[in-house]
Amino acid sequence: MASSTDNKITLYMCPIVISHRLYIILSELGLPFEEVEIDLGRPRDPSYLEINPRGLVPSLKYNGEIITESAIIGQFLADAHPSHLVLPSNAPGGALQRARINFFVDAFWSKVVANLMTFIWAKTDAEGVTHIEAYIEGVVKELEPLLKDAKPFFGGSDKLTLADALTAPLAIRLLALFKDGVIPSNLEVQLKEKAPAFYAWAVAVSAHPSVTGIFKEKAVVDYYKGQIKKARSTDSEQ
């Protein structure tokens, strides 16, 4: 019989976007866990490299087993603890729901998010605006059609789904950057007009308790402001 220590869930994390999605899932599942913060500003300790030789976060220790990569961890937790997040694959409609969730999450991260990140690292403000405009175009093309039936969450659900949990961290950060003026307000107006379903969905997930629970808005906005200042000033010094 496994000991209580073996059954403990430990999340090795850093309070950034990728780790946030696992907080949401663990909160929705009501699972207690221990949190170990990894300082990404210095070389990884040998003890952590034994857990994850790649040195990346997050990692999860579950019943003595180590699982890495946030999307894989999230799917594992949802499979291990059946809930409203996603239907079992063998339930009626379960396989189709999972396929749609996977497609949405892949489109969100592979087709859209890169432009938000390159906005942060753009060398000039004008270049940054270009990347946000490309972000909006990606939302309109890739995500807006997939959120037409959101009520208010993915797939017409009135409860948070796995699709929402895996993408909400970027939605809440986007709205925070608009709110603080880091991204110009006229671009938020464009997003509202061109992708109303996406914008309504983003507002809904960003207000959900499991999403806001660990979100430190000021700290996140200040972090991105610092990254933007660093990127812009590096260019001006050359």
C-alpha atoms as a PDB file:
ATOM      1  CA  MET A   1       0.000   0.000   0.000  1.00  0.00           C
ATOM      2  CA  ALA A   2       1.330   3.432  -0.953  1.00  0.00           C
ATOM      3  CA  SER A   3       2.120   5.783   1.888  1.00  0.00           C
ATOM      4  CA  SER A   4       0.490   9.187   2.267  1.00  0.00           C
ATOM      5  CA  THR A   5       3.820  10.688   1.199  1.00  0.00           C
ATOM      6  CA  ASP A   6       3.729   8.731  -2.080  1.00  0.00           C
ATOM      7  CA  ASN A   7       0.216   9.980  -2.781  1.00  0.00           C
ATOM      8  CA  LYS A   8       1.174  13.624  -2.376  1.00  0.00           C
ATOM      9  CA  ILE A   9       1.051  15.811  -5.483  1.00  0.00           C
ATOM     10  CA  THR A  10       3.985  18.184  -5.889  1.00  0.00           C
ATOM     11  CA  LEU A  11       4.025  20.886  -8.561  1.00  0.00           C
ATOM     12  CA  TYR A  12       7.449  22.259  -9.471  1.00  0.00           C
ATOM     13  CA  MET A  13       6.738  25.604 -11.038  1.00  0.00           C
ATOM     14  CA  CYS A  14       7.495  29.242 -11.679  1.00  0.00           C
ATOM     15  CA  PRO A  15       4.603  31.752 -11.553  1.00  0.00           C
ATOM     16  CA  ILE A  16       4.533  32.257 -15.318  1.00  0.00           C
ATOM     17  CA  VAL A  17       2.014  31.426 -18.015  1.00  0.00           C
ATOM     18  CA  ILE A  18       2.694  27.729 -18.447  1.00  0.00           C
ATOM     19  CA  SER A  19       2.542  26.910 -14.736  1.00  0.00           C
ATOM     20  CA  HIS A  20      -0.657  28.950 -14.330  1.00  0.00           C
ATOM     21  CA  ARG A  21      -2.658  26.522 -16.464  1.00  0.00           C
ATOM     22  CA  LEU A  22      -1.902  23.709 -14.005  1.00  0.00           C
ATOM     23  CA  TYR A  23      -3.041  25.798 -11.034  1.00  0.00           C
ATOM     24  CA  ILE A  24      -6.352  26.202 -12.845  1.00  0.00           C
ATOM     25  CA  ILE A  25      -6.734  22.472 -13.489  1.00  0.00           C
ATOM     26  CA  LEU A  26      -5.739  21.471  -9.962  1.00  0.00           C
ATOM     27  CA  SER A  27      -8.179  24.047  -8.582  1.00  0.00           C
ATOM     28  CA  GLU A  28     -11.021  22.797 -10.774  1.00  0.00           C
ATOM     29  CA  LEU A  29     -10.337  19.226  -9.690  1.00  0.00           C
ATOM     30  CA  GLY A  30     -10.088  20.212  -6.029  1.00  0.00           C
ATOM     31  CA  LEU A  31      -6.772  18.435  -5.597  1.00  0.00           C
ATOM     32  CA  PRO A  32      -4.436  19.464  -2.760  1.00  0.00           C
ATOM     33  CA  PHE A  33      -0.814  19.837  -3.795  1.00  0.00           C
ATOM     34  CA  GLU A  34       2.543  21.078  -2.600  1.00  0.00           C
ATOM     35  CA  GLU A  35       4.116  23.918  -4.546  1.00  0.00           C
ATOM     36  CA  VAL A  36       7.870  24.158  -5.130  1.00  0.00           C
ATOM     37  CA  GLU A  37       8.975  27.321  -6.917  1.00  0.00           C
ATOM     38  CA  ILE A  38      11.917  27.033  -9.307  1.00  0.00           C
ATOM     39  CA  ASP A  39      14.013  30.152  -9.825  1.00  0.00           C
ATOM     40  CA  LEU A  40      14.465  30.471 -13.580  1.00  0.00           C
ATOM     41  CA  GLY A  41      16.907  33.335 -13.123  1.00  0.00           C
ATOM     42  CA  ARG A  42      19.804  31.043 -12.236  1.00  0.00           C
ATOM     43  CA  PRO A  43      21.133  27.598 -13.215  1.00  0.00           C
ATOM     44  CA  ARG A  44      18.950  24.739 -12.066  1.00  0.00           C
ATOM     45  CA  ASP A  45      19.928  22.959  -8.882  1.00  0.00           C
ATOM     46  CA  PRO A  46      21.164  19.374  -9.378  1.00  0.00           C
ATOM     47  CA  SER A  47      18.249  18.195  -7.248  1.00  0.00           C
ATOM     48  CA  TYR A  48      15.776  19.623  -9.784  1.00  0.00           C
ATOM     49  CA  LEU A  49      17.705  18.236 -12.751  1.00  0.00           C
ATOM     50  CA  GLU A  50      17.191  14.813 -11.214  1.00  0.00           C
ATOM     51  CA  ILE A  51      13.456  15.468 -11.417  1.00  0.00           C
ATOM     52  CA  ASN A  52      13.513  16.974 -14.905  1.00  0.00           C
ATOM     53  CA  PRO A  53      16.846  16.604 -16.739  1.00  0.00           C
ATOM     54  CA  ARG A  54      15.756  19.259 -19.233  1.00  0.00           C
ATOM     55  CA  GLY A  55      15.528  21.770 -16.405  1.00  0.00           C
ATOM     56  CA  LEU A  56      12.171  23.038 -17.637  1.00  0.00           C
ATOM     57  CA  VAL A  57       9.074  23.856 -15.607  1.00  0.00           C
ATOM     58  CA  PRO A  58       6.504  22.815 -14.747  1.00  0.00           C
ATOM     59  CA  SER A  59       7.004  19.257 -13.573  1.00  0.00           C
ATOM     60  CA  LEU A  60       4.608  17.185 -11.501  1.00  0.00           C
ATOM     61  CA  LYS A  61       5.317  14.454  -8.970  1.00  0.00           C
ATOM     62  CA  TYR A  62       2.233  12.246  -8.668  1.00  0.00           C
ATOM     63  CA  ASN A  63       2.221   9.036  -6.632  1.00  0.00           C
ATOM     64  CA  GLY A  64       5.998   9.007  -6.897  1.00  0.00           C
ATOM     65  CA  GLU A  65       5.983   9.362 -10.699  1.00  0.00           C
ATOM     66  CA  ILE A  66       7.374  12.400 -12.516  1.00  0.00           C
ATOM     67  CA  ILE A  67       5.392  13.908 -15.398  1.00  0.00           C
ATOM     68  CA  THR A  68       6.661  16.833 -17.460  1.00  0.00           C
ATOM     69  CA  GLU A  69       5.358  19.281 -20.116  1.00  0.00           C
ATOM     70  CA  SER A  70       2.355  21.345 -19.055  1.00  0.00           C
ATOM     71  CA  ALA A  71      -0.137  20.156 -21.696  1.00  0.00           C
ATOM     72  CA  ILE A  72       0.723  16.528 -20.979  1.00  0.00           C
ATOM     73  CA  ILE A  73       0.420  17.124 -17.228  1.00  0.00           C
ATOM     74  CA  GLY A  74      -2.921  18.861 -17.690  1.00  0.00           C
ATOM     75  CA  GLN A  75      -4.325  16.044 -19.824  1.00  0.00           C
ATOM     76  CA  PHE A  76      -3.032  13.452 -17.369  1.00  0.00           C
ATOM     77  CA  LEU A  77      -4.713  15.146 -14.410  1.00  0.00           C
ATOM     78  CA  ALA A  78      -7.989  15.434 -16.316  1.00  0.00           C
ATOM     79  CA  ASP A  79      -7.808  11.740 -17.256  1.00  0.00           C
ATOM     80  CA  ALA A  80      -6.843  10.596 -13.765  1.00  0.00           C
ATOM     81  CA  HIS A  81      -9.663  12.585 -12.134  1.00  0.00           C
ATOM     82  CA  PRO A  82     -12.809  12.565 -14.307  1.00  0.00           C
ATOM     83  CA  SER A  83     -14.717  15.827 -14.001  1.00  0.00           C
ATOM     84  CA  HIS A  84     -16.543  18.553 -15.890  1.00  0.00           C
ATOM     85  CA  LEU A  85     -13.261  19.534 -17.580  1.00  0.00           C
ATOM     86  CA  VAL A  86     -13.493  16.866 -20.270  1.00  0.00           C
ATOM     87  CA  LEU A  87     -15.535  13.764 -21.016  1.00  0.00           C
ATOM     88  CA  PRO A  88     -13.848  10.357 -20.874  1.00  0.00           C
ATOM     89  CA  SER A  89     -12.779   9.302 -24.363  1.00  0.00           C
ATOM     90  CA  ASN A  90     -15.152   6.312 -24.301  1.00  0.00           C
ATOM     91  CA  ALA A  91     -18.180   8.344 -23.156  1.00  0.00           C
ATOM     92  CA  PRO A  92     -20.755   9.366 -25.778  1.00  0.00           C
ATOM     93  CA  GLY A  93     -19.248  12.344 -27.564  1.00  0.00           C
ATOM     94  CA  GLY A  94     -16.074  12.095 -25.522  1.00  0.00           C
ATOM     95  CA  ALA A  95     -13.620  11.351 -28.324  1.00  0.00           C
ATOM     96  CA  LEU A  96     -15.066  14.140 -30.475  1.00  0.00           C
ATOM     97  CA  GLN A  97     -14.952  16.654 -27.616  1.00  0.00           C
ATOM     98  CA  ARG A  98     -11.329  15.790 -26.960  1.00  0.00           C
ATOM     99  CA  ALA A  99     -10.452  16.196 -30.632  1.00  0.00           C
ATOM    100  CA  ARG A 100     -12.093  19.631 -30.683  1.00  0.00           C
ATOM    101  CA  ILE A 101     -10.345  20.681 -27.478  1.00  0.00           C
ATOM    102  CA  ASN A 102      -6.979  19.551 -28.837  1.00  0.00           C
ATOM    103  CA  PHE A 103      -7.559  21.438 -32.085  1.00  0.00           C
ATOM    104  CA  PHE A 104      -8.526  24.640 -30.260  1.00  0.00           C
ATOM    105  CA  VAL A 105      -5.566  24.512 -27.877  1.00  0.00           C
ATOM    106  CA  ASP A 106      -3.162  23.772 -30.733  1.00  0.00           C
ATOM    107  CA  ALA A 107      -4.552  26.655 -32.820  1.00  0.00           C
ATOM    108  CA  PHE A 108      -4.360  28.998 -29.835  1.00  0.00           C
ATOM    109  CA  TRP A 109      -0.737  28.243 -29.024  1.00  0.00           C
ATOM    110  CA  SER A 110       0.744  27.487 -32.467  1.00  0.00           C
ATOM    111  CA  LYS A 111      -1.117  29.986 -34.672  1.00  0.00           C
ATOM    112  CA  VAL A 112      -1.811  32.977 -32.414  1.00  0.00           C
ATOM    113  CA  VAL A 113       0.244  33.271 -29.234  1.00  0.00           C
ATOM    114  CA  ALA A 114       3.617  33.748 -30.933  1.00  0.00           C
ATOM    115  CA  ASN A 115       2.611  37.237 -32.053  1.00  0.00           C
ATOM    116  CA  LEU A 116       1.794  38.273 -28.481  1.00  0.00           C
ATOM    117  CA  MET A 117       5.231  37.129 -27.380  1.00  0.00           C
ATOM    118  CA  THR A 118       6.998  38.864 -30.281  1.00  0.00           C
ATOM    119  CA  PHE A 119       5.115  42.052 -29.388  1.00  0.00           C
ATOM    120  CA  ILE A 120       6.882  41.933 -26.038  1.00  0.00           C
ATOM    121  CA  TRP A 121      10.299  41.465 -27.641  1.00  0.00           C
ATOM    122  CA  ALA A 122       9.848  43.850 -30.565  1.00  0.00           C
ATOM    123  CA  LYS A 123      12.671  46.353 -31.022  1.00  0.00           C
ATOM    124  CA  THR A 124      10.354  49.337 -31.570  1.00  0.00           C
ATOM    125  CA  ASP A 125       6.816  50.311 -30.579  1.00  0.00           C
ATOM    126  CA  ALA A 126       5.778  50.353 -34.242  1.00  0.00           C
ATOM    127  CA  GLU A 127       7.054  46.822 -34.730  1.00  0.00           C
ATOM    128  CA  GLY A 128       5.197  45.779 -31.593  1.00  0.00           C
ATOM    129  CA  VAL A 129       1.915  47.156 -32.947  1.00  0.00           C
ATOM    130  CA  THR A 130       2.459  45.152 -36.126  1.00  0.00           C
ATOM    131  CA  HIS A 131       2.703  41.959 -34.092  1.00  0.00           C
ATOM    132  CA  ILE A 132      -0.484  42.729 -32.132  1.00  0.00           C
ATOM    133  CA  GLU A 133      -2.287  43.380 -35.415  1.00  0.00           C
ATOM    134  CA  ALA A 134      -1.048  39.992 -36.613  1.00  0.00           C
ATOM    135  CA  TYR A 135      -2.259  38.516 -33.317  1.00  0.00           C
ATOM    136  CA  ILE A 136      -5.728  39.947 -33.954  1.00  0.00           C
ATOM    137  CA  GLU A 137      -5.722  38.554 -37.490  1.00  0.00           C
ATOM    138  CA  GLY A 138      -4.819  35.136 -36.114  1.00  0.00           C
ATOM    139  CA  VAL A 139      -7.618  35.308 -33.550  1.00  0.00           C
ATOM    140  CA  VAL A 140     -10.138  36.256 -36.224  1.00  0.00           C
ATOM    141  CA  LYS A 141      -9.038  33.490 -38.593  1.00  0.00           C
ATOM    142  CA  GLU A 142      -8.201  30.666 -36.205  1.00  0.00           C
ATOM    143  CA  LEU A 143     -10.105  31.141 -32.952  1.00  0.00           C
ATOM    144  CA  GLU A 144     -13.236  33.194 -33.573  1.00  0.00           C
ATOM    145  CA  PRO A 145     -14.973  30.388 -35.530  1.00  0.00           C
ATOM    146  CA  LEU A 146     -14.177  27.910 -32.740  1.00  0.00           C
ATOM    147  CA  LEU A 147     -15.764  30.116 -30.062  1.00  0.00           C
ATOM    148  CA  LYS A 148     -19.028  31.001 -31.780  1.00  0.00           C
ATOM    149  CA  ASP A 149     -20.918  28.600 -29.483  1.00  0.00           C
ATOM    150  CA  ALA A 150     -19.119  29.538 -26.229  1.00  0.00           C
ATOM    151  CA  LYS A 151     -21.710  29.921 -23.421  1.00  0.00           C
ATOM    152  CA  PRO A 152     -19.575  31.374 -21.954  1.00  0.00           C
ATOM    153  CA  PHE A 153     -16.897  28.675 -22.107  1.00  0.00           C
ATOM    154  CA  PHE A 154     -15.589  26.476 -24.876  1.00  0.00           C
ATOM    155  CA  GLY A 155     -18.005  24.176 -26.659  1.00  0.00           C
ATOM    156  CA  GLY A 156     -21.124  25.787 -25.217  1.00  0.00           C
ATOM    157  CA  SER A 157     -20.233  24.793 -21.660  1.00  0.00           C
ATOM    158  CA  ASP A 158     -21.374  26.775 -18.622  1.00  0.00           C
ATOM    159  CA  LYS A 159     -18.427  25.315 -16.690  1.00  0.00           C
ATOM    160  CA  LEU A 160     -14.726  25.704 -17.338  1.00  0.00           C
ATOM    161  CA  THR A 161     -13.388  23.028 -19.696  1.00  0.00           C
ATOM    162  CA  LEU A 162      -9.910  21.688 -20.304  1.00  0.00           C
ATOM    163  CA  ALA A 163      -9.736  23.895 -23.410  1.00  0.00           C
ATOM    164  CA  ASP A 164     -10.369  26.980 -21.277  1.00  0.00           C
ATOM    165  CA  ALA A 165      -7.949  25.932 -18.542  1.00  0.00           C
ATOM    166  CA  LEU A 166      -5.098  25.408 -20.993  1.00  0.00           C
ATOM    167  CA  THR A 167      -5.550  28.798 -22.674  1.00  0.00           C
ATOM    168  CA  ALA A 168      -6.948  31.128 -19.985  1.00  0.00           C
ATOM    169  CA  PRO A 169      -3.502  32.242 -18.724  1.00  0.00           C
ATOM    170  CA  LEU A 170      -2.846  34.053 -22.000  1.00  0.00           C
ATOM    171  CA  ALA A 171      -6.364  35.480 -22.145  1.00  0.00           C
ATOM    172  CA  ILE A 172      -6.132  37.071 -18.706  1.00  0.00           C
ATOM    173  CA  ARG A 173      -2.672  38.457 -19.473  1.00  0.00           C
ATOM    174  CA  LEU A 174      -3.862  39.957 -22.747  1.00  0.00           C
ATOM    175  CA  LEU A 175      -6.722  41.777 -21.028  1.00  0.00           C
ATOM    176  CA  ALA A 176      -4.397  42.988 -18.263  1.00  0.00           C
ATOM    177  CA  LEU A 177      -2.022  44.455 -20.854  1.00  0.00           C
ATOM    178  CA  PHE A 178      -4.932  46.248 -22.520  1.00  0.00           C
ATOM    179  CA  LYS A 179      -6.236  47.504 -19.172  1.00  0.00           C
ATOM    180  CA  ASP A 180      -2.892  48.976 -18.171  1.00  0.00           C
ATOM    181  CA  GLY A 181      -2.282  50.561 -21.570  1.00  0.00           C
ATOM    182  CA  VAL A 182       0.710  48.369 -22.379  1.00  0.00           C
ATOM    183  CA  ILE A 183      -1.141  47.452 -25.577  1.00  0.00           C
ATOM    184  CA  PRO A 184      -2.816  50.512 -27.173  1.00  0.00           C
ATOM    185  CA  SER A 185      -6.579  50.748 -26.528  1.00  0.00           C
ATOM    186  CA  ASN A 186      -7.393  51.175 -30.236  1.00  0.00           C
ATOM    187  CA  LEU A 187      -6.118  47.631 -30.789  1.00  0.00           C
ATOM    188  CA  GLU A 188      -8.482  46.347 -28.089  1.00  0.00           C
ATOM    189  CA  VAL A 189     -11.323  48.060 -29.952  1.00  0.00           C
ATOM    190  CA  GLN A 190     -10.244  46.244 -33.118  1.00  0.00           C
ATOM    191  CA  LEU A 191     -10.280  42.919 -31.279  1.00  0.00           C
ATOM    192  CA  LYS A 192     -13.766  43.556 -29.888  1.00  0.00           C
ATOM    193  CA  GLU A 193     -15.117  44.483 -33.310  1.00  0.00           C
ATOM    194  CA  LYS A 194     -13.449  41.753 -35.351  1.00  0.00           C
ATOM    195  CA  ALA A 195     -13.607  38.877 -32.852  1.00  0.00           C
ATOM    196  CA  PRO A 196     -16.555  39.488 -30.490  1.00  0.00           C
ATOM    197  CA  ALA A 197     -16.952  35.813 -29.579  1.00  0.00           C
ATOM    198  CA  PHE A 198     -13.279  35.527 -28.670  1.00  0.00           C
ATOM    199  CA  TYR A 199     -13.362  38.739 -26.663  1.00  0.00           C
ATOM    200  CA  ALA A 200     -16.477  37.692 -24.702  1.00  0.00           C
ATOM    201  CA  TRP A 201     -14.861  34.319 -24.025  1.00  0.00           C
ATOM    202  CA  ALA A 202     -11.627  35.978 -22.859  1.00  0.00           C
ATOM    203  CA  VAL A 203     -13.564  38.187 -20.438  1.00  0.00           C
ATOM    204  CA  ALA A 204     -15.461  35.174 -19.079  1.00  0.00           C
ATOM    205  CA  VAL A 205     -12.428  32.953 -18.482  1.00  0.00           C
ATOM    206  CA  SER A 206     -10.446  35.872 -17.054  1.00  0.00           C
ATOM    207  CA  ALA A 207     -13.100  36.404 -14.384  1.00  0.00           C
ATOM    208  CA  HIS A 208     -13.319  32.766 -13.320  1.00  0.00           C
ATOM    209  CA  PRO A 209     -12.179  32.145  -9.718  1.00  0.00           C
ATOM    210  CA  SER A 210      -9.796  29.317 -10.584  1.00  0.00           C
ATOM    211  CA  VAL A 211      -8.120  31.573 -13.168  1.00  0.00           C
ATOM    212  CA  THR A 212      -7.884  34.673 -10.974  1.00  0.00           C
ATOM    213  CA  GLY A 213      -6.931  32.737  -7.838  1.00  0.00           C
ATOM    214  CA  ILE A 214      -3.162  32.996  -8.254  1.00  0.00           C
ATOM    215  CA  PHE A 215      -3.010  35.744 -10.863  1.00  0.00           C
ATOM    216  CA  LYS A 216      -1.039  38.722  -9.575  1.00  0.00           C
ATOM    217  CA  GLU A 217      -2.019  41.357 -12.134  1.00  0.00           C
ATOM    218  CA  LYS A 218       0.385  44.110 -11.095  1.00  0.00           C
ATOM    219  CA  ALA A 219       3.356  41.763 -10.873  1.00  0.00           C
ATOM    220  CA  VAL A 220       2.594  40.272 -14.293  1.00  0.00           C
ATOM    221  CA  VAL A 221       2.078  43.656 -15.962  1.00  0.00           C
ATOM    222  CA  ASP A 222       5.239  45.042 -14.360  1.00  0.00           C
ATOM    223  CA  TYR A 223       7.161  41.999 -15.597  1.00  0.00           C
ATOM    224  CA  TYR A 224       6.017  42.520 -19.178  1.00  0.00           C
ATOM    225  CA  LYS A 225       6.687  46.254 -18.964  1.00  0.00           C
ATOM    226  CA  GLY A 226      10.212  45.429 -17.885  1.00  0.00           C
ATOM    227  CA  GLN A 227      10.676  42.999 -20.758  1.00  0.00           C
ATOM    228  CA  ILE A 228       9.363  45.558 -23.260  1.00  0.00           C
ATOM    229  CA  LYS A 229      11.612  48.282 -21.857  1.00  0.00           C
ATOM    230  CA  LYS A 230      14.591  45.955 -22.058  1.00  0.00           C
ATOM    231  CA  ALA A 231      13.860  44.989 -25.665  1.00  0.00           C
ATOM    232  CA  ARG A 232      13.289  48.563 -26.812  1.00  0.00           C
ATOM    233  CA  SER A 233      16.286  50.014 -24.967  1.00  0.00           C
ATOM    234  CA  THR A 234      18.598  47.281 -26.277  1.00  0.00           C
ATOM    235  CA  ASP A 235      17.772  48.356 -29.805  1.00  0.00           C
ATOM    236  CA  SER A 236      18.240  52.080 -29.069  1.00  0.00           C
ATOM    237  CA  GLU A 237      21.709  51.453 -27.602  1.00  0.00           C
ATOM    238  CA  GLN A 238      22.977  49.760 -30.745  1.00  0.00           C
END
